[in-house]
């Protein structure tokens, strides 16, 4: 089965228009009603918050805190986002709630143009703006009275793992970064999986198709969606696509606002990812970085190659035995939360 490009983090893209309304809908009314795909921990409190990035886009997050907070104590804090095409009610919220249970104030947020966050048009991504979204989360956390602004870290999952490392290369306020089951979305978009299409002709064909789609979108006054995780699942789908399906398209991880669970990204969303690679200054990161990946993940090479760019003795690559890519979305037996906790405890001193 031919693996296509952008939805690419998540999937084999299906063709067709899923709907103009979904792609351009207004941000829904915000509610604190529990609508996560994971169980609520009664030892953790949560509330909806909003903040803006430096492009003026309003971002929406779920703030998680230990239920028994210490009065007048300034907590270490962690901002969390990802996977690519997911929403905060999925994997990032799970990570945030668990780290709040362990004593941190955490913020799981929807990136620009997705979920409950603002930005039009909907269902687009940007290597620049989505890196900025992490820094915007740091802006917000730094100004909370219950957060120590000198003790802020970030967690990026899947495609947002790459964005997190990219943010750490830019934002010196980030004292510690975890990238879990990471993708370099710019690399895979420009080169294909395992760099199989890393040549000018392949990139030209991809750009040509997307630019022709731009003309069509402008003419029609709407943005065609590429499709989320392929459904129904073809018998010959690669195992990692089956793994994505098992998360995004089943009660295990389905969410009504998730791009991967529903209509996917705009077909033209990948254009800037071809031309603007992230991780260009990863070798200049002075703060601590922990990269976590599954032993059996198809995406493991992204983490190993990103780690090879890092310098200093405060960088670590942790390979989880027997784990695949999606195991690190929600498998509490495979996600190394004890290690992640120790990492932040050590580096958010």
Protein backbone atom coordinates (compact mmCIF):
# COMPACT_ATOMS: atom_id res chain seq x y z
CA UNK A 1 0.00 0.00 0.00
CA UNK A 2 1.43 3.38 -1.00
CA UNK A 3 2.12 5.66 1.97
CA UNK A 4 1.28 9.27 1.23
CA UNK A 5 2.65 12.45 2.64
CA UNK A 6 1.24 14.85 5.17
CA UNK A 7 -1.57 13.30 7.02
CA UNK A 8 1.45 11.31 6.88
CA UNK A 9 2.16 11.49 10.48
CA UNK A 10 -0.91 9.82 11.12
CA UNK A 11 -1.93 7.94 8.31
CA UNK A 12 -2.54 6.87 4.88
CA UNK A 13 -4.55 9.70 3.48
CA UNK A 14 -7.89 9.11 1.89
CA UNK A 15 -9.08 11.37 -0.88
CA UNK A 16 -12.20 13.45 -1.01
CA UNK A 17 -13.85 16.34 0.71
CA UNK A 18 -15.01 15.61 4.21
CA UNK A 19 -16.59 18.99 4.63
CA UNK A 20 -16.14 22.71 4.39
CA UNK A 21 -18.00 23.27 7.63
CA UNK A 22 -15.55 21.14 9.61
CA UNK A 23 -12.56 22.87 8.07
CA UNK A 24 -13.81 26.39 8.73
CA UNK A 25 -16.09 26.08 11.73
CA UNK A 26 -16.06 28.62 14.53
CA UNK A 27 -14.42 27.67 17.81
CA UNK A 28 -17.07 25.93 19.92
CA UNK A 29 -18.26 27.22 23.27
CA UNK A 30 -15.75 26.21 25.91
CA UNK A 31 -16.92 23.90 28.64
CA UNK A 32 -15.27 22.33 31.66
CA UNK A 33 -17.31 19.18 31.17
CA UNK A 34 -15.07 16.11 31.20
CA UNK A 35 -14.80 14.93 27.57
CA UNK A 36 -11.40 13.22 27.58
CA UNK A 37 -10.67 9.77 26.18
CA UNK A 38 -8.96 8.78 29.44
CA UNK A 39 -10.32 8.35 32.95
CA UNK A 40 -10.35 11.28 35.32
CA UNK A 41 -7.94 11.06 38.25
CA UNK A 42 -9.73 12.23 41.39
CA UNK A 43 -6.46 13.42 42.93
CA UNK A 44 -6.06 16.01 40.15
CA UNK A 45 -8.16 19.08 39.44
CA UNK A 46 -8.53 20.59 35.98
CA UNK A 47 -9.91 23.72 34.38
CA UNK A 48 -10.09 25.26 30.92
CA UNK A 49 -7.78 28.22 30.25
CA UNK A 50 -7.02 30.45 27.27
CA UNK A 51 -3.91 32.36 26.23
CA UNK A 52 -2.56 33.97 23.06
CA UNK A 53 0.55 33.32 21.03
CA UNK A 54 2.57 36.16 19.56
CA UNK A 55 0.60 35.94 16.32
CA UNK A 56 -2.52 36.85 18.25
CA UNK A 57 -4.10 33.41 17.99
CA UNK A 58 -6.09 32.37 21.06
CA UNK A 59 -5.06 28.95 22.32
CA UNK A 60 -7.16 26.78 24.58
CA UNK A 61 -5.73 24.41 27.14
CA UNK A 62 -6.66 22.21 30.05
CA UNK A 63 -4.75 23.14 33.18
CA UNK A 64 -4.12 20.23 35.55
CA UNK A 65 -3.09 20.70 39.18
CA UNK A 66 -2.65 18.54 42.28
CA UNK A 67 -6.02 18.69 44.04
CA UNK A 68 -4.37 19.37 47.40
CA UNK A 69 -2.29 22.39 46.40
CA UNK A 70 0.12 23.96 48.83
CA UNK A 71 -0.85 27.55 49.55
CA UNK A 72 1.59 30.19 48.28
CA UNK A 73 3.89 27.54 46.79
CA UNK A 74 5.30 28.13 43.32
CA UNK A 75 5.14 24.83 41.46
CA UNK A 76 7.31 23.56 38.62
CA UNK A 77 5.21 23.47 35.46
CA UNK A 78 5.06 21.54 32.20
CA UNK A 79 3.32 22.38 28.91
CA UNK A 80 2.23 19.40 26.81
CA UNK A 81 1.02 19.02 23.22
CA UNK A 82 0.61 16.39 20.52
CA UNK A 83 0.37 14.03 18.80
CA UNK A 84 0.25 15.64 15.36
CA UNK A 85 -3.43 15.88 14.42
CA UNK A 86 -4.67 15.04 17.92
CA UNK A 87 -6.34 17.22 20.54
CA UNK A 88 -5.70 17.89 24.21
CA UNK A 89 -8.43 15.48 25.22
CA UNK A 90 -6.32 12.62 23.91
CA UNK A 91 -2.68 11.73 24.62
CA UNK A 92 -1.39 15.13 25.76
CA UNK A 93 -4.11 15.37 28.39
CA UNK A 94 -3.22 11.93 29.68
CA UNK A 95 0.43 12.95 30.06
CA UNK A 96 -0.57 16.25 31.68
CA UNK A 97 -2.91 14.65 34.20
CA UNK A 98 -0.35 12.04 35.20
CA UNK A 99 2.39 14.63 35.70
CA UNK A 100 -0.01 16.78 37.75
CA UNK A 101 -0.69 13.72 39.91
CA UNK A 102 3.06 13.64 40.51
CA UNK A 103 3.19 17.22 41.74
CA UNK A 104 3.53 19.51 38.71
CA UNK A 105 1.17 22.12 37.34
CA UNK A 106 0.62 21.07 33.74
CA UNK A 107 -1.01 22.53 30.67
CA UNK A 108 -2.23 20.35 27.79
CA UNK A 109 -3.15 22.61 24.88
CA UNK A 110 -4.56 22.48 21.38
CA UNK A 111 -2.16 23.97 18.83
CA UNK A 112 -3.22 26.82 16.57
CA UNK A 113 -5.92 26.05 13.99
CA UNK A 114 -6.99 22.81 15.69
CA UNK A 115 -9.31 21.58 18.42
CA UNK A 116 -10.74 24.36 20.57
CA UNK A 117 -7.90 26.77 19.79
CA UNK A 118 -8.35 29.67 17.41
CA UNK A 119 -6.91 30.51 14.02
CA UNK A 120 -8.45 30.43 10.57
CA UNK A 121 -8.56 28.62 8.34
CA UNK A 122 -8.99 25.44 10.32
CA UNK A 123 -6.96 22.24 10.06
CA UNK A 124 -3.62 23.70 8.99
CA UNK A 125 -0.20 23.37 10.58
CA UNK A 126 2.94 25.49 10.47
CA UNK A 127 6.47 24.62 11.60
CA UNK A 128 6.89 28.21 12.81
CA UNK A 129 3.52 28.89 14.42
CA UNK A 130 3.30 25.50 16.08
CA UNK A 131 6.78 25.93 17.55
CA UNK A 132 5.62 29.32 18.79
CA UNK A 133 2.61 27.68 20.44
CA UNK A 134 4.93 26.01 22.95
CA UNK A 135 6.51 29.36 23.79
CA UNK A 136 3.04 30.88 24.19
CA UNK A 137 2.27 28.16 26.73
CA UNK A 138 5.47 29.13 28.54
CA UNK A 139 4.32 32.79 28.48
CA UNK A 140 1.10 31.78 30.19
CA UNK A 141 2.67 29.50 32.77
CA UNK A 142 5.42 32.01 33.59
CA UNK A 143 2.82 34.56 34.64
CA UNK A 144 0.80 32.34 36.94
CA UNK A 145 1.23 33.14 40.64
CA UNK A 146 1.39 29.45 41.49
CA UNK A 147 4.19 28.65 39.00
CA UNK A 148 7.91 29.18 39.39
CA UNK A 149 8.92 30.77 36.05
CA UNK A 150 12.43 29.36 36.42
CA UNK A 151 11.08 25.79 36.55
CA UNK A 152 9.16 25.27 33.32
CA UNK A 153 9.52 22.29 30.99
CA UNK A 154 7.64 20.97 27.97
CA UNK A 155 6.53 17.59 26.60
CA UNK A 156 5.91 17.05 22.90
CA UNK A 157 4.33 13.85 21.63
CA UNK A 158 4.77 12.47 18.09
CA UNK A 159 4.91 15.38 15.61
CA UNK A 160 4.91 17.79 18.51
CA UNK A 161 7.98 16.05 19.86
CA UNK A 162 9.90 17.59 16.99
CA UNK A 163 8.20 20.94 17.64
CA UNK A 164 9.16 20.71 21.31
CA UNK A 165 12.84 20.21 20.53
CA UNK A 166 12.58 23.04 18.01
CA UNK A 167 11.06 25.27 20.71
CA UNK A 168 13.82 24.37 23.14
CA UNK A 169 16.37 25.52 20.55
CA UNK A 170 14.64 28.92 20.46
CA UNK A 171 13.25 29.55 23.94
CA UNK A 172 15.80 29.77 26.72
CA UNK A 173 13.04 29.81 29.35
CA UNK A 174 12.43 26.12 28.67
CA UNK A 175 14.59 24.34 31.21
CA UNK A 176 13.79 20.73 30.28
CA UNK A 177 12.20 19.03 27.26
CA UNK A 178 10.74 15.58 26.74
CA UNK A 179 10.06 14.36 23.20
CA UNK A 180 8.00 11.18 23.25
CA UNK A 181 7.64 8.90 20.19
CA UNK A 182 8.67 11.89 18.08
CA UNK A 183 8.29 12.65 14.40
CA UNK A 184 10.22 15.29 12.49
CA UNK A 185 7.23 16.40 10.44
CA UNK A 186 9.29 18.58 8.11
CA UNK A 187 11.64 15.72 7.27
CA UNK A 188 8.94 13.15 6.62
CA UNK A 189 6.92 15.61 4.55
CA UNK A 190 9.88 16.61 2.40
CA UNK A 191 11.56 13.20 2.14
CA UNK A 192 8.89 10.56 2.73
CA UNK A 193 9.18 7.77 5.25
CA UNK A 194 12.75 6.54 5.75
CA UNK A 195 13.78 9.29 3.29
CA UNK A 196 12.59 7.08 0.43
CA UNK A 197 11.45 10.10 -1.60
CA UNK A 198 14.36 12.38 -0.78
CA UNK A 199 14.88 13.71 -4.28
CA UNK A 200 13.95 16.77 -6.27
CA UNK A 201 11.50 15.00 -8.59
CA UNK A 202 9.46 13.55 -5.74
CA UNK A 203 9.30 16.88 -3.95
CA UNK A 204 8.37 18.65 -7.18
CA UNK A 205 5.50 16.23 -7.75
CA UNK A 206 4.26 16.77 -4.20
CA UNK A 207 4.48 20.56 -4.46
CA UNK A 208 2.83 20.53 -7.88
CA UNK A 209 -0.14 18.57 -6.58
CA UNK A 210 -0.61 20.83 -3.57
CA UNK A 211 -0.29 24.04 -5.57
CA UNK A 212 -2.84 22.77 -8.08
CA UNK A 213 -5.07 22.09 -5.08
CA UNK A 214 -4.58 25.69 -3.94
CA UNK A 215 -6.01 26.90 -7.24
CA UNK A 216 -9.00 24.59 -6.84
CA UNK A 217 -9.55 25.64 -3.23
CA UNK A 218 -9.50 29.32 -4.13
CA UNK A 219 -11.91 28.78 -6.99
CA UNK A 220 -14.32 26.78 -4.84
CA UNK A 221 -13.99 29.03 -1.81
CA UNK A 222 -13.28 26.09 0.47
CA UNK A 223 -10.41 23.89 1.60
CA UNK A 224 -10.55 20.20 0.78
CA UNK A 225 -9.55 17.87 3.57
CA UNK A 226 -7.09 15.07 3.02
CA UNK A 227 -8.79 12.64 5.38
CA UNK A 228 -7.81 11.41 8.81
CA UNK A 229 -6.78 7.88 9.68
CA UNK A 230 -7.95 5.73 6.79
CA UNK A 231 -11.35 4.14 7.42
CA UNK A 232 -12.28 1.45 6.59
CA UNK A 233 -8.87 -0.03 7.19
CA UNK A 234 -7.43 -1.84 4.13
CA UNK A 235 -6.25 -5.37 4.71
CA UNK A 236 -2.82 -4.52 3.30
CA UNK A 237 -2.30 -1.44 5.50
CA UNK A 238 1.12 -1.30 7.17
CA UNK A 239 1.14 -2.31 10.82
CA UNK A 240 1.77 1.23 12.04
CA UNK A 241 -1.35 2.44 10.20
CA UNK A 242 -3.30 -0.35 11.90
CA UNK A 243 -1.88 0.91 15.19
CA UNK A 244 -3.07 4.45 14.42
CA UNK A 245 -6.51 3.10 13.56
CA UNK A 246 -6.65 1.21 16.84
CA UNK A 247 -6.12 4.50 18.68
CA UNK A 248 -7.90 7.17 16.68
CA UNK A 249 -10.84 5.25 15.24
CA UNK A 250 -11.94 3.18 18.22
CA UNK A 251 -13.32 4.12 21.64
CA UNK A 252 -9.77 3.81 22.95
CA UNK A 253 -8.81 7.21 21.55
CA UNK A 254 -11.53 8.62 19.27
CA UNK A 255 -12.46 12.26 19.87
CA UNK A 256 -14.92 14.34 17.92
CA UNK A 257 -12.50 17.27 17.55
CA UNK A 258 -9.43 15.23 16.60
CA UNK A 259 -8.28 15.69 13.00
CA UNK A 260 -6.91 12.16 12.86
CA UNK A 261 -10.14 10.72 14.19
CA UNK A 262 -12.17 12.63 11.61
CA UNK A 263 -11.51 14.68 8.48
CA UNK A 264 -7.78 15.27 8.71
CA UNK A 265 -5.67 18.21 7.56
CA UNK A 266 -6.28 20.50 4.63
CA UNK A 267 -4.68 18.99 1.53
CA UNK A 268 -2.38 21.99 1.14
CA UNK A 269 -1.29 22.13 4.78
CA UNK A 270 2.05 20.45 4.13
CA UNK A 271 3.52 23.05 1.77
CA UNK A 272 5.55 24.98 4.31
CA UNK A 273 6.84 21.75 5.88
CA UNK A 274 8.65 20.89 2.67
CA UNK A 275 10.45 24.22 2.56
CA UNK A 276 11.12 25.06 6.22
CA UNK A 277 12.87 22.27 8.18
CA UNK A 278 12.85 22.30 11.97
CA UNK A 279 15.72 21.23 14.27
CA UNK A 280 18.22 23.46 12.47
CA UNK A 281 19.62 24.71 15.79
CA UNK A 282 19.10 21.57 17.85
CA UNK A 283 22.84 21.31 18.43
CA UNK A 284 22.69 24.64 20.30
CA UNK A 285 20.22 23.52 22.97
CA UNK A 286 21.85 23.97 26.38
CA UNK A 287 18.92 22.83 28.51
CA UNK A 288 18.15 19.19 29.31
CA UNK A 289 16.44 16.97 26.72
CA UNK A 290 15.01 13.47 27.14
CA UNK A 291 13.93 11.64 23.99
CA UNK A 292 11.76 8.56 24.47
CA UNK A 293 10.87 6.08 21.74
CA UNK A 294 9.55 2.56 21.33
CA UNK A 295 11.91 -0.20 20.29
CA UNK A 296 9.50 -1.45 17.62
CA UNK A 297 8.21 1.94 16.42
CA UNK A 298 8.40 2.60 12.68
CA UNK A 299 9.32 6.18 13.61
CA UNK A 300 12.26 5.34 15.87
CA UNK A 301 14.80 6.75 13.42
CA UNK A 302 13.45 10.28 13.95
CA UNK A 303 14.39 10.17 17.63
CA UNK A 304 17.75 8.54 17.05
CA UNK A 305 18.73 11.09 14.41
CA UNK A 306 17.44 14.02 16.47
CA UNK A 307 19.40 12.78 19.47
CA UNK A 308 22.57 12.58 17.38
CA UNK A 309 22.30 16.34 16.78
CA UNK A 310 22.18 17.19 20.48
CA UNK A 311 25.28 18.14 22.45
CA UNK A 312 26.13 18.16 26.13
CA UNK A 313 25.90 15.68 28.96
CA UNK A 314 22.30 16.58 29.89
CA UNK A 315 20.75 14.82 26.85
CA UNK A 316 19.40 11.28 26.90
CA UNK A 317 17.76 8.82 24.51
CA UNK A 318 15.56 6.16 26.13
CA UNK A 319 14.33 3.22 24.03
CA UNK A 320 11.35 1.36 25.51
CA UNK A 321 11.63 -2.42 24.94
CA UNK A 322 8.79 -3.93 22.92
CA UNK A 323 6.90 -0.66 22.45
CA UNK A 324 5.50 0.56 19.14
CA UNK A 325 4.79 4.16 18.16
CA UNK A 326 1.24 4.35 19.50
CA UNK A 327 2.02 2.53 22.75
CA UNK A 328 3.55 5.79 23.96
CA UNK A 329 0.26 7.62 23.36
CA UNK A 330 -1.67 5.96 26.15
CA UNK A 331 -0.20 2.67 27.35
CA UNK A 332 0.45 3.31 31.02
CA UNK A 333 2.57 0.16 31.20
CA UNK A 334 4.89 1.40 28.45
CA UNK A 335 5.09 5.17 28.96
CA UNK A 336 8.06 5.65 31.35
CA UNK A 337 6.41 8.14 33.69
CA UNK A 338 8.79 7.36 36.55
CA UNK A 339 11.72 8.26 34.32
CA UNK A 340 9.98 11.37 33.00
CA UNK A 341 9.19 12.42 36.58
CA UNK A 342 12.81 11.94 37.66
CA UNK A 343 14.00 13.88 34.61
CA UNK A 344 11.87 16.90 35.41
CA UNK A 345 12.59 16.70 39.14
CA UNK A 346 16.31 16.79 38.35
CA UNK A 347 16.20 19.57 35.80
CA UNK A 348 13.52 21.87 37.17
CA UNK A 349 15.38 22.56 40.38
